Amino acid sequence: MHSLRTKITLITICIIAMSVAIVTAVSVHFIRRSESLESNQLLLLLCETGERNLDYYFNSVQKSVEKVEHFAERDLDGIDALEDEAFAAHVERVAAFFDETANKTNGVLTYYYRIDPAASDTVKGFWYVNMDGEGFVEHVPTDITLYDTQDTSRLVWFTVPKHEGKAIWLPPYITDNLDVRVMSYNVPIYWRGHFIGVAGIELDYSDMAEQVDSIRLYQNGYAFLDDDEGNLFYHPRYDVASLSEEELPKLPEGALSNLTFLQYNFEGQERIAAWLPLSNGMRLNVSVPVSETQGDWQRLVREILTAAALVLLASSAVVLVGAERIMKPLEDLTRAAEQADAGNYDFALTYEKDDEIGRLTKTFQRMGAHMREHISDLSRQAYTDALTSVKNKGAFSKALDAMQQKIDKGEKPEFAAAVFDCDNLKLINDRWGHDKGDTYLKTACRLICRVWQHSPVFRIGGDEFAVLMQGGDYDAREALAEQFKREAEAINAKAEHVWEQVHVAMGIADYEPQTDPAVIDTIRRADKAMYANKHRGRSRAPRSGAELRVES
């Protein structure tokens, strides 16, 4: 005898598969972690490079404006009073110095030194513009007297530095006279503690955009500028310069964290970004799709998984050959046990080897044969009426349930129900004895079975019977009812004793899908029709087919 335990030891090969799976999972974890760190470092490095370049650009502007500030305030120190002639000469000296400084600074679109009307009614200052890249030319300056210099929502390049009292970077804005989007750095100029005016440089927004656009990583990576409240200053996907503040999209909350690395969903795409603050108060973000950062580690993972799969396939081939022979009879036994647990002992087992499964299979086969025979006897007894040998009330309920299931599935079966009640059974039992009552019931039952030969007949109560008619019996239901009447009359004519006669009230009802949501409704209508006939004193079959369906 070959031990089943010996055969099952072959399944230990699964330990190899488990070991391979663990090694693969650990390898994938470390590769993914390493690649994620590498991608983050690359993002941060690119962000740092962009930050240095932009800060160098912005710092060069700041230094240029601060040089002008220092020059202007030193020059003002040499003026005893702000007389028009001396003040005008001061402005000319500042203009010359500013021109030299602006020409050495990259990206300058305009530079200006504007005098507060409160400091001088006649000296306005200057504004130089380089729109075509050919050099700075003087432009007619904005008339400051038309504005309230205390209102920081207008003429921001002048009113904000005056209000703040310090050098300041302003967010991008549209110049009133040039209709160009610019960024500016402005400083207030003072003489002996009195506000004199504002000196500043406006940068071409497109120059800054080109620098930001040059910061790219992977195929769909890009950089953008915003602030810590999510307001966009530049984004390659949007024409920020042409959109109003209300039209500009807000970045999702995940992109506003104080963490260096951010992960968020933007336009339906998972992205990861690194950000650093810029010297002008903005934030530089370098963002890439998460899927593009996973390319290398995913390739390595695929290679590892491929190798692991090959090892598993080789091991599995060995395991399957042995396990197939072992597991199939065991699976057959399992299914047989499940069927037996559900009460179904009609199963076949073919395993015949002399081992543990073989002995268990033979035991199951003997048990199944015994239980099938026993259940067959029980089933016949459970659903058969002992007196008349027709189906009993339990079988009737089961037949109604089966019919109801068909209706619940949407079927519309054609059938009719007939209900019978034997009259005077109690009288016969009381006067002549129960054995005569039994004879009376058997005679009525034999007649019902003889007339409805192709339909199931049920005894559903002491003196009640029922028939479910389908097929040919359903089509001939009225003719069969008339046949029942005639044969009952023939029996009664020949019978010598009351208990040998047939006096049965009958009611028939067709199943109507529109009015009978349940099968039992049809039975109730047939029962009602039977009682209507009975109450009218009809102990024999009705006279016509119309009288068979007394329904309400």
Protein backbone atom coordinates (compact mmCIF):
# COMPACT_ATOMS: atom_id res chain seq x y z
CA MET A 1 0.00 0.00 0.00
CA HIS A 2 1.32 3.41 -0.97
CA SER A 3 0.82 5.93 1.84
CA LEU A 4 -1.12 9.07 1.00
CA ARG A 5 1.15 10.93 3.41
CA THR A 6 4.16 10.01 1.23
CA LYS A 7 2.44 11.40 -1.84
CA ILE A 8 1.46 14.63 -0.10
CA THR A 9 5.13 15.34 0.76
CA LEU A 10 5.59 16.25 -2.90
CA ILE A 11 3.57 19.39 -2.19
CA THR A 12 6.49 20.69 -0.13
CA ILE A 13 7.75 22.01 -3.42
CA CYS A 14 5.35 24.86 -2.71
CA ILE A 15 7.90 26.04 -0.16
CA ILE A 16 10.11 26.91 -3.11
CA ALA A 17 7.36 29.01 -4.62
CA MET A 18 6.77 30.76 -1.31
CA SER A 19 10.50 31.49 -0.94
CA VAL A 20 10.67 32.88 -4.47
CA ALA A 21 7.62 35.04 -3.82
CA ILE A 22 9.11 36.47 -0.61
CA VAL A 23 12.45 37.23 -2.28
CA THR A 24 10.65 38.82 -5.22
CA ALA A 25 8.47 40.97 -2.97
CA VAL A 26 11.45 42.18 -0.93
CA SER A 27 13.41 42.93 -4.11
CA VAL A 28 10.51 44.86 -5.60
CA HIS A 29 10.10 46.85 -2.40
CA PHE A 30 13.75 47.90 -2.24
CA ILE A 31 13.97 48.64 -5.96
CA ARG A 32 10.85 50.77 -5.84
CA ARG A 33 12.07 52.58 -2.74
CA SER A 34 15.48 53.24 -4.29
CA GLU A 35 13.95 54.48 -7.54
CA SER A 36 11.54 56.71 -5.65
CA LEU A 37 14.42 58.27 -3.70
CA GLU A 38 16.40 58.72 -6.90
CA SER A 39 13.45 60.40 -8.64
CA ASN A 40 12.90 62.69 -5.68
CA GLN A 41 16.57 63.64 -5.59
CA LEU A 42 16.48 64.37 -9.32
CA LEU A 43 13.39 66.52 -8.88
CA LEU A 44 14.97 68.44 -6.01
CA LEU A 45 18.24 68.90 -7.89
CA LEU A 46 16.42 70.30 -10.90
CA CYS A 47 14.34 72.53 -8.62
CA GLU A 48 17.49 73.80 -6.87
CA THR A 49 19.11 74.54 -10.22
CA GLY A 50 16.06 76.44 -11.40
CA GLU A 51 15.85 78.28 -8.07
CA ARG A 52 19.47 79.40 -8.36
CA ASN A 53 19.00 80.60 -11.93
CA LEU A 54 15.78 82.47 -11.18
CA ASP A 55 17.11 83.92 -7.93
CA TYR A 56 20.24 85.06 -9.76
CA TYR A 57 17.99 86.74 -12.28
CA PHE A 58 15.80 88.33 -9.62
CA ASN A 59 18.76 89.22 -7.41
CA SER A 60 20.50 90.97 -10.28
CA VAL A 61 17.40 93.13 -10.67
CA GLN A 62 17.25 93.79 -6.93
CA LYS A 63 20.90 94.80 -6.83
CA SER A 64 20.47 97.11 -9.82
CA VAL A 65 17.48 98.86 -8.24
CA GLU A 66 19.23 99.07 -4.86
CA LYS A 67 22.28 100.64 -6.53
CA VAL A 68 20.00 103.27 -7.99
CA GLU A 69 18.40 103.72 -4.56
CA HIS A 70 21.76 104.30 -2.90
CA PHE A 71 22.92 106.62 -5.65
CA ALA A 72 19.69 108.66 -5.54
CA GLU A 73 19.69 109.05 -1.76
CA ARG A 74 23.40 109.98 -1.68
CA ASP A 75 22.77 112.49 -4.44
CA LEU A 76 19.83 113.93 -2.49
CA ASP A 77 22.04 114.37 0.55
CA GLY A 78 23.91 117.05 -1.39
CA ILE A 79 20.74 119.11 -1.92
CA ASP A 80 19.87 121.65 0.75
CA ALA A 81 16.32 122.22 -0.49
CA LEU A 82 14.07 120.57 -3.07
CA GLU A 83 14.09 123.51 -5.42
CA ASP A 84 12.94 122.82 -8.94
CA GLU A 85 16.29 123.44 -10.64
CA ALA A 86 18.31 121.40 -8.14
CA PHE A 87 15.68 118.69 -8.06
CA ALA A 88 15.55 118.45 -11.86
CA ALA A 89 19.35 118.18 -12.00
CA HIS A 90 19.16 115.37 -9.42
CA VAL A 91 16.65 113.48 -11.55
CA GLU A 92 18.89 113.82 -14.62
CA ARG A 93 21.88 112.41 -12.73
CA VAL A 94 19.77 109.49 -11.52
CA ALA A 95 18.52 108.89 -15.08
CA ALA A 96 22.08 108.66 -16.39
CA PHE A 97 23.09 106.27 -13.63
CA PHE A 98 19.92 104.20 -14.07
CA ASP A 99 20.46 103.93 -17.82
CA GLU A 100 23.93 102.53 -17.33
CA THR A 101 22.69 100.11 -14.67
CA ALA A 102 19.64 98.91 -16.64
CA ASN A 103 21.69 98.17 -19.73
CA LYS A 104 23.84 95.80 -17.67
CA THR A 105 20.81 93.95 -16.28
CA ASN A 106 19.14 91.15 -18.23
CA GLY A 107 15.42 91.12 -18.96
CA VAL A 108 14.69 94.78 -18.10
CA LEU A 109 11.63 96.02 -19.98
CA THR A 110 11.29 99.42 -18.29
CA TYR A 111 12.94 101.43 -15.55
CA TYR A 112 11.66 104.54 -13.83
CA TYR A 113 12.17 107.05 -11.11
CA ARG A 114 8.89 108.78 -10.32
CA ILE A 115 8.55 111.75 -7.99
CA ASP A 116 5.67 112.06 -5.54
CA PRO A 117 3.49 115.09 -6.43
CA ALA A 118 3.65 115.99 -2.75
CA ALA A 119 7.44 116.45 -3.07
CA SER A 120 7.37 118.50 -6.29
CA ASP A 121 4.67 119.96 -8.50
CA THR A 122 6.95 120.36 -11.51
CA VAL A 123 9.50 117.55 -11.45
CA LYS A 124 7.78 114.32 -12.55
CA GLY A 125 10.72 111.93 -12.89
CA PHE A 126 11.26 109.64 -15.87
CA TRP A 127 10.19 106.33 -17.44
CA TYR A 128 12.31 104.52 -20.04
CA VAL A 129 11.02 101.62 -22.11
CA ASN A 130 12.72 99.00 -24.29
CA MET A 131 9.85 97.29 -26.11
CA ASP A 132 11.68 96.23 -29.28
CA GLY A 133 15.02 95.25 -27.77
CA GLU A 134 16.78 98.04 -29.64
CA GLY A 135 17.48 100.15 -26.56
CA PHE A 136 15.70 102.25 -23.99
CA VAL A 137 13.71 105.28 -25.09
CA GLU A 138 11.93 107.74 -22.85
CA HIS A 139 8.20 107.23 -22.58
CA VAL A 140 5.51 109.59 -21.40
CA PRO A 141 5.11 108.72 -17.71
CA THR A 142 1.81 108.06 -16.02
CA ASP A 143 0.24 111.14 -14.49
CA ILE A 144 0.36 110.32 -10.79
CA THR A 145 -1.81 113.28 -9.88
CA LEU A 146 -4.77 111.44 -11.38
CA TYR A 147 -4.57 108.80 -8.67
CA ASP A 148 -5.00 108.66 -4.93
CA THR A 149 -1.55 107.60 -3.78
CA GLN A 150 -3.03 106.21 -0.58
CA ASP A 151 -5.05 103.65 -2.58
CA THR A 152 -2.80 100.59 -2.93
CA SER A 153 -5.19 98.87 -5.33
CA ARG A 154 -4.29 101.32 -8.13
CA LEU A 155 -0.92 102.31 -9.52
CA VAL A 156 0.57 99.50 -7.46
CA TRP A 157 4.19 100.04 -8.55
CA PHE A 158 4.03 103.44 -6.83
CA THR A 159 1.43 103.20 -4.08
CA VAL A 160 2.50 99.86 -2.57
CA PRO A 161 6.21 100.76 -2.01
CA LYS A 162 5.09 104.14 -0.63
CA HIS A 163 2.65 102.45 1.74
CA GLU A 164 5.03 99.66 2.79
CA GLY A 165 8.02 101.98 3.15
CA LYS A 166 10.44 99.32 1.90
CA ALA A 167 11.69 97.62 -1.26
CA ILE A 168 9.16 95.09 -2.58
CA TRP A 169 8.56 92.62 -5.39
CA LEU A 170 5.11 92.96 -6.87
CA PRO A 171 3.15 90.08 -8.35
CA PRO A 172 2.72 90.15 -12.16
CA TYR A 173 0.41 92.90 -13.38
CA ILE A 174 -0.59 94.60 -16.63
CA THR A 175 1.05 98.00 -17.18
CA ASP A 176 -1.52 100.71 -17.74
CA ASN A 177 0.23 102.39 -20.66
CA LEU A 178 1.94 99.49 -22.42
CA ASP A 179 -0.70 96.80 -21.87
CA VAL A 180 2.06 94.28 -21.17
CA ARG A 181 2.26 91.79 -18.30
CA VAL A 182 5.33 92.52 -16.19
CA MET A 183 6.89 91.89 -12.80
CA SER A 184 8.54 94.74 -10.95
CA TYR A 185 10.90 95.43 -8.10
CA ASN A 186 10.46 98.84 -6.52
CA VAL A 187 12.14 100.84 -3.75
CA PRO A 188 10.92 104.01 -2.04
CA ILE A 189 13.35 106.96 -2.12
CA TYR A 190 13.65 109.24 0.93
CA TRP A 191 15.28 112.61 1.59
CA ARG A 192 15.85 113.49 5.22
CA GLY A 193 13.04 111.12 6.25
CA HIS A 194 10.56 112.45 3.72
CA PHE A 195 9.17 110.24 0.94
CA ILE A 196 10.36 111.57 -2.41
CA GLY A 197 9.34 108.91 -4.93
CA VAL A 198 9.82 105.37 -6.24
CA ALA A 199 12.58 103.82 -8.35
CA GLY A 200 11.96 100.49 -9.99
CA ILE A 201 12.51 98.03 -12.79
CA GLU A 202 9.81 96.15 -14.66
CA LEU A 203 10.77 92.75 -16.08
CA ASP A 204 9.33 91.27 -19.22
CA TYR A 205 7.07 88.44 -18.05
CA SER A 206 7.95 86.39 -21.15
CA ASP A 207 11.67 86.37 -20.26
CA MET A 208 10.86 84.86 -16.89
CA ALA A 209 8.49 82.38 -18.58
CA GLU A 210 11.28 81.21 -20.90
CA GLN A 211 13.51 80.52 -17.93
CA VAL A 212 10.78 78.54 -16.19
CA ASP A 213 9.97 76.63 -19.40
CA SER A 214 13.60 75.54 -19.67
CA ILE A 215 13.19 73.54 -16.44
CA ARG A 216 11.93 70.15 -17.61
CA LEU A 217 12.16 66.58 -16.39
CA TYR A 218 11.05 63.45 -18.24
CA GLN A 219 8.61 63.71 -21.13
CA ASN A 220 5.72 65.48 -19.41
CA GLY A 221 7.47 67.25 -16.56
CA TYR A 222 7.34 71.03 -16.26
CA ALA A 223 7.90 73.88 -13.81
CA PHE A 224 5.48 76.56 -12.67
CA LEU A 225 5.37 79.50 -10.27
CA ASP A 226 2.81 80.10 -7.55
CA ASP A 227 2.55 81.43 -4.01
CA ASP A 228 1.78 79.70 -0.73
CA GLU A 229 -1.95 80.31 -1.27
CA GLY A 230 -2.06 78.48 -4.59
CA ASN A 231 -2.25 81.57 -6.84
CA LEU A 232 -0.56 80.86 -10.17
CA PHE A 233 1.94 83.36 -11.53
CA TYR A 234 3.14 81.19 -14.38
CA HIS A 235 2.08 77.78 -15.67
CA PRO A 236 2.99 76.31 -19.07
CA ARG A 237 -0.50 74.79 -19.46
CA TYR A 238 -2.30 78.12 -19.07
CA ASP A 239 -1.97 81.55 -20.58
CA VAL A 240 -1.77 83.18 -17.18
CA ALA A 241 -1.04 86.55 -18.74
CA SER A 242 -4.41 86.65 -20.49
CA LEU A 243 -6.58 85.24 -17.68
CA SER A 244 -8.20 87.24 -14.94
CA GLU A 245 -7.66 86.32 -11.31
CA GLU A 246 -11.09 84.65 -11.23
CA GLU A 247 -10.33 82.63 -14.37
CA LEU A 248 -6.99 81.31 -13.15
CA PRO A 249 -7.25 77.70 -11.91
CA LYS A 250 -6.44 77.03 -8.29
CA LEU A 251 -3.93 74.33 -7.50
CA PRO A 252 -5.26 71.36 -5.51
CA GLU A 253 -4.64 71.31 -1.77
CA GLY A 254 -2.09 68.53 -2.13
CA ALA A 255 0.15 70.95 -4.03
CA LEU A 256 0.23 73.50 -1.17
CA SER A 257 1.90 71.45 1.56
CA ASN A 258 4.94 72.74 3.41
CA LEU A 259 6.71 69.46 2.66
CA THR A 260 9.50 69.61 0.10
CA PHE A 261 7.95 66.82 -1.99
CA LEU A 262 4.26 66.99 -2.88
CA GLN A 263 1.97 64.41 -4.42
CA TYR A 264 -1.34 65.58 -5.83
CA ASN A 265 -3.90 65.03 -8.57
CA PHE A 266 -4.02 67.66 -11.32
CA GLU A 267 -6.30 67.40 -14.35
CA GLY A 268 -6.96 63.74 -13.54
CA GLN A 269 -3.26 62.83 -13.37
CA GLU A 270 -1.27 61.83 -10.30
CA ARG A 271 1.82 64.07 -10.11
CA ILE A 272 4.75 64.53 -7.77
CA ALA A 273 6.56 67.83 -7.35
CA ALA A 274 9.43 69.43 -5.46
CA TRP A 275 9.28 73.11 -4.59
CA LEU A 276 11.59 75.82 -3.23
CA PRO A 277 10.92 79.45 -2.31
CA LEU A 278 12.30 82.22 -4.53
CA SER A 279 13.78 85.49 -3.33
CA ASN A 280 10.84 87.45 -4.77
CA GLY A 281 8.28 85.61 -2.60
CA MET A 282 7.15 83.12 -5.24
CA ARG A 283 7.49 79.34 -5.14
CA LEU A 284 9.20 77.38 -7.91
CA ASN A 285 7.59 73.96 -8.45
CA VAL A 286 9.04 71.20 -10.63
CA SER A 287 6.31 68.64 -11.33
CA VAL A 288 6.26 65.30 -13.18
CA PRO A 289 3.66 62.53 -13.62
CA VAL A 290 4.12 59.79 -11.04
CA SER A 291 3.92 57.21 -13.84
CA GLU A 292 7.03 58.63 -15.53
CA THR A 293 9.09 58.37 -12.34
CA GLN A 294 8.42 54.65 -12.22
CA GLY A 295 9.81 53.68 -15.58
CA ASP A 296 13.18 52.28 -14.50
CA TRP A 297 12.05 50.46 -11.41
CA GLN A 298 9.09 49.02 -13.24
CA ARG A 299 11.43 47.61 -15.89
CA LEU A 300 13.61 46.02 -13.19
CA VAL A 301 10.55 44.67 -11.43
CA ARG A 302 9.31 43.14 -14.69
CA GLU A 303 12.66 41.41 -15.16
CA ILE A 304 12.61 40.08 -11.60
CA LEU A 305 9.02 38.91 -11.97
CA THR A 306 9.87 37.20 -15.25
CA ALA A 307 12.74 35.30 -13.62
CA ALA A 308 10.57 34.42 -10.65
CA ALA A 309 7.81 33.24 -12.96
CA LEU A 310 10.20 30.90 -14.78
CA VAL A 311 11.31 29.37 -11.48
CA LEU A 312 7.72 29.00 -10.37
CA LEU A 313 6.70 27.42 -13.66
CA ALA A 314 9.45 24.83 -13.41
CA SER A 315 8.51 24.02 -9.81
CA SER A 316 4.82 24.04 -10.57
CA ALA A 317 5.26 21.56 -13.41
CA VAL A 318 6.67 19.03 -10.97
CA VAL A 319 4.05 19.79 -8.33
CA LEU A 320 1.14 19.59 -10.77
CA VAL A 321 2.12 16.17 -12.06
CA GLY A 322 2.15 14.70 -8.55
CA ALA A 323 -0.66 16.78 -7.09
CA GLU A 324 -3.03 16.01 -9.97
CA ARG A 325 -2.94 12.32 -9.19
CA ILE A 326 -3.35 12.93 -5.48
CA MET A 327 -5.91 15.72 -5.49
CA LYS A 328 -8.39 14.51 -8.11
CA PRO A 329 -9.81 11.60 -6.06
CA LEU A 330 -9.72 13.81 -2.97
CA GLU A 331 -11.68 16.51 -4.85
CA ASP A 332 -14.19 13.85 -5.97
CA LEU A 333 -14.61 12.80 -2.35
CA THR A 334 -15.02 16.44 -1.27
CA ARG A 335 -17.76 17.02 -3.83
CA ALA A 336 -19.45 13.77 -2.78
CA ALA A 337 -19.31 14.88 0.87
CA GLU A 338 -20.83 18.26 -0.05
CA GLN A 339 -23.63 16.53 -1.96
CA ALA A 340 -24.25 14.17 0.96
CA ASP A 341 -24.33 17.15 3.37
CA ALA A 342 -26.98 18.75 1.11
CA GLY A 343 -29.01 15.53 1.20
CA ASN A 344 -28.04 14.31 -2.29
CA TYR A 345 -26.52 10.82 -2.20
CA ASP A 346 -26.63 10.22 -5.94
CA PHE A 347 -22.87 10.45 -6.59
CA ALA A 348 -20.36 8.21 -8.37
CA LEU A 349 -16.74 7.59 -7.23
CA THR A 350 -14.25 5.73 -9.42
CA TYR A 351 -11.03 5.76 -7.39
CA GLU A 352 -10.06 2.14 -6.61
CA LYS A 353 -6.44 2.20 -5.39
CA ASP A 354 -5.56 0.58 -2.09
CA ASP A 355 -4.67 3.62 0.00
CA GLU A 356 -6.38 5.94 2.47
CA ILE A 357 -8.43 7.67 -0.26
CA GLY A 358 -9.33 4.31 -1.82
CA ARG A 359 -10.70 2.96 1.47
CA LEU A 360 -12.58 6.19 2.12
CA THR A 361 -14.02 6.06 -1.42
CA LYS A 362 -15.38 2.54 -0.91
CA THR A 363 -16.94 3.59 2.41
CA PHE A 364 -18.63 6.58 0.73
CA GLN A 365 -19.94 4.35 -2.08
CA ARG A 366 -21.53 1.89 0.36
CA MET A 367 -22.98 4.73 2.42
CA GLY A 368 -24.36 6.43 -0.69
CA ALA A 369 -26.07 3.29 -1.96
CA HIS A 370 -27.65 2.65 1.43
CA MET A 371 -28.81 6.26 1.83
CA ARG A 372 -30.24 6.42 -1.70
CA GLU A 373 -32.38 3.38 -1.03
CA HIS A 374 -33.44 4.71 2.37
CA ILE A 375 -34.21 8.20 1.04
CA SER A 376 -36.22 6.76 -1.84
CA ASP A 377 -38.45 4.94 0.63
CA LEU A 378 -38.73 8.02 2.85
CA SER A 379 -39.53 10.24 -0.08
CA ARG A 380 -42.33 8.01 -1.24
CA GLN A 381 -43.72 7.87 2.28
CA ALA A 382 -43.30 11.61 2.90
CA TYR A 383 -45.27 12.70 -0.16
CA THR A 384 -47.86 9.88 -0.50
CA ASP A 385 -51.24 9.74 1.18
CA ALA A 386 -51.43 6.48 3.14
CA LEU A 387 -55.15 5.90 2.52
CA THR A 388 -55.53 6.72 -1.17
CA SER A 389 -51.91 6.36 -2.41
CA VAL A 390 -52.16 9.70 -4.25
CA LYS A 391 -49.88 12.63 -3.44
CA ASN A 392 -50.44 14.30 -0.07
CA LYS A 393 -50.65 17.90 1.11
CA GLY A 394 -46.83 18.18 1.40
CA ALA A 395 -46.46 17.17 -2.25
CA PHE A 396 -49.17 19.72 -3.11
CA SER A 397 -47.23 22.53 -1.39
CA LYS A 398 -44.08 21.47 -3.16
CA ALA A 399 -45.84 21.48 -6.56
CA LEU A 400 -47.23 24.97 -5.86
CA ASP A 401 -43.74 26.23 -4.91
CA ALA A 402 -42.29 24.87 -8.16
CA MET A 403 -45.03 26.59 -10.16
CA GLN A 404 -44.49 29.85 -8.23
CA GLN A 405 -40.77 29.78 -9.06
CA LYS A 406 -41.59 29.66 -12.74
CA ILE A 407 -43.88 32.67 -12.35
CA ASP A 408 -41.23 34.55 -10.36
CA LYS A 409 -38.77 34.02 -13.23
CA GLY A 410 -41.17 35.75 -15.61
CA GLU A 411 -42.80 32.67 -17.11
CA LYS A 412 -46.56 32.55 -17.63
CA PRO A 413 -47.55 28.88 -17.37
CA GLU A 414 -50.95 27.72 -18.56
CA PHE A 415 -52.65 25.66 -15.86
CA ALA A 416 -55.90 25.30 -13.99
CA ALA A 417 -56.61 24.09 -10.47
CA ALA A 418 -59.53 21.90 -9.48
CA VAL A 419 -60.57 21.55 -5.82
CA PHE A 420 -62.93 18.75 -4.65
CA ASP A 421 -64.84 18.30 -1.40
CA CYS A 422 -66.54 15.01 -0.54
CA ASP A 423 -70.03 15.65 0.86
CA ASN A 424 -71.49 13.79 3.85
CA LEU A 425 -68.19 12.18 4.98
CA LYS A 426 -68.91 12.95 8.63
CA LEU A 427 -72.41 11.51 8.35
CA ILE A 428 -71.06 8.26 6.89
CA ASN A 429 -68.34 8.01 9.55
CA ASP A 430 -70.80 8.64 12.36
CA ARG A 431 -73.58 6.34 11.12
CA TRP A 432 -71.75 3.45 9.43
CA GLY A 433 -68.18 3.75 10.76
CA HIS A 434 -64.86 5.08 9.57
CA ASP A 435 -64.11 2.05 7.42
CA LYS A 436 -67.14 2.97 5.30
CA GLY A 437 -65.93 6.58 5.27
CA ASP A 438 -62.57 5.36 3.96
CA THR A 439 -64.37 3.37 1.24
CA TYR A 440 -66.28 6.53 0.31
CA LEU A 441 -63.02 8.56 0.01
CA LYS A 442 -61.26 5.84 -2.02
CA THR A 443 -64.17 5.64 -4.48
CA ALA A 444 -64.11 9.40 -5.01
CA CYS A 445 -60.30 9.40 -5.36
CA ARG A 446 -60.34 6.56 -7.94
CA LEU A 447 -62.85 8.48 -10.02
CA ILE A 448 -60.78 11.71 -9.90
CA CYS A 449 -57.62 9.78 -10.90
CA ARG A 450 -59.45 7.98 -13.74
CA VAL A 451 -60.81 11.22 -15.22
CA TRP A 452 -57.62 13.28 -14.81
CA GLN A 453 -55.18 10.54 -15.85
CA HIS A 454 -52.47 12.99 -17.00
CA SER A 455 -52.51 15.40 -14.06
CA PRO A 456 -51.24 15.01 -10.48
CA VAL A 457 -53.97 14.32 -7.93
CA PHE A 458 -53.48 15.40 -4.29
CA ARG A 459 -55.36 14.69 -1.09
CA ILE A 460 -55.07 18.06 0.69
CA GLY A 461 -57.43 17.43 3.62
CA GLY A 462 -59.62 14.81 5.24
CA ASP A 463 -62.30 15.01 2.55
CA GLU A 464 -60.60 17.41 0.08
CA PHE A 465 -58.69 16.65 -3.11
CA ALA A 466 -56.98 18.86 -5.69
CA VAL A 467 -55.79 18.50 -9.28
CA LEU A 468 -53.28 20.72 -11.14
CA MET A 469 -54.12 20.57 -14.87
CA GLN A 470 -51.59 21.35 -17.58
CA GLY A 471 -51.10 20.36 -21.19
CA GLY A 472 -53.86 18.20 -22.66
CA ASP A 473 -55.85 18.07 -19.43
CA TYR A 474 -55.77 21.88 -19.24
CA ASP A 475 -57.05 22.17 -22.81
CA ALA A 476 -59.86 19.65 -22.09
CA ARG A 477 -60.66 20.88 -18.57
CA GLU A 478 -64.34 21.57 -19.24
CA ALA A 479 -64.84 18.28 -21.06
CA LEU A 480 -63.13 16.43 -18.21
CA ALA A 481 -65.39 18.16 -15.71
CA GLU A 482 -68.43 16.95 -17.66
CA GLN A 483 -66.91 13.45 -17.83
CA PHE A 484 -66.46 13.51 -14.04
CA LYS A 485 -70.14 14.43 -13.64
CA ARG A 486 -71.33 11.64 -15.94
CA GLU A 487 -69.16 8.96 -14.38
CA ALA A 488 -70.18 10.07 -10.86
CA GLU A 489 -73.83 9.75 -11.83
CA ALA A 490 -73.16 6.30 -13.32
CA ILE A 491 -71.48 5.14 -10.11
CA ASN A 492 -74.30 6.50 -7.98
CA ALA A 493 -76.90 4.74 -10.14
CA LYS A 494 -75.31 1.35 -9.58
CA ALA A 495 -74.27 1.75 -5.92
CA GLU A 496 -76.29 -0.14 -3.30
CA HIS A 497 -75.03 1.84 -0.33
CA VAL A 498 -74.38 5.51 0.36
CA TRP A 499 -70.68 4.94 1.06
CA GLU A 500 -70.29 3.39 -2.39
CA GLN A 501 -71.58 6.54 -4.12
CA VAL A 502 -69.71 9.70 -5.21
CA HIS A 503 -71.12 13.03 -4.05
CA VAL A 504 -68.33 15.60 -4.60
CA ALA A 505 -68.51 19.41 -4.88
CA MET A 506 -65.98 20.73 -7.40
CA GLY A 507 -64.57 24.16 -8.32
CA ILE A 508 -62.14 24.95 -11.15
CA ALA A 509 -60.15 28.17 -11.71
CA ASP A 510 -57.75 29.07 -14.51
CA TYR A 511 -54.46 30.80 -13.64
CA GLU A 512 -54.75 34.47 -14.70
CA PRO A 513 -51.37 36.33 -14.71
CA GLN A 514 -53.11 39.71 -14.55
CA THR A 515 -55.11 38.96 -11.40
CA ASP A 516 -53.14 36.17 -9.71
CA PRO A 517 -49.75 37.46 -8.49
CA ALA A 518 -49.27 34.11 -6.71
CA VAL A 519 -50.29 30.51 -7.47
CA ILE A 520 -52.15 30.33 -4.19
CA ASP A 521 -54.54 32.99 -5.51
CA THR A 522 -55.65 30.57 -8.23
CA ILE A 523 -56.14 27.84 -5.61
CA ARG A 524 -58.23 30.22 -3.48
CA ARG A 525 -60.46 31.03 -6.43
CA ALA A 526 -60.94 27.33 -7.20
CA ASP A 527 -61.70 26.70 -3.53
CA LYS A 528 -64.18 29.58 -3.53
CA ALA A 529 -65.86 28.19 -6.64
CA MET A 530 -66.09 24.77 -4.97
CA TYR A 531 -67.74 26.22 -1.85
CA ALA A 532 -70.15 28.24 -3.99
CA ASN A 533 -71.25 25.01 -5.67
CA LYS A 534 -71.39 23.25 -2.32
CA HIS A 535 -73.52 25.98 -0.72
CA ARG A 536 -75.94 25.84 -3.62
CA GLY A 537 -76.51 22.25 -2.59
CA ARG A 538 -74.51 20.72 -5.46
CA SER A 539 -73.04 17.55 -4.19
CA ARG A 540 -72.42 16.41 -7.74
CA ALA A 541 -70.41 17.97 -10.56
CA PRO A 542 -71.67 21.32 -12.03
CA ARG A 543 -73.95 21.26 -15.04
CA SER A 544 -71.79 23.34 -17.39
CA GLY A 545 -68.23 24.59 -17.89
CA ALA A 546 -69.29 28.12 -16.95
CA GLU A 547 -70.37 26.87 -13.53
CA LEU A 548 -66.89 25.43 -12.96
CA ARG A 549 -65.29 28.88 -12.48
CA VAL A 550 -67.23 30.61 -9.76
CA GLU A 551 -64.69 33.34 -8.95
CA SER A 552 -64.85 36.83 -7.40
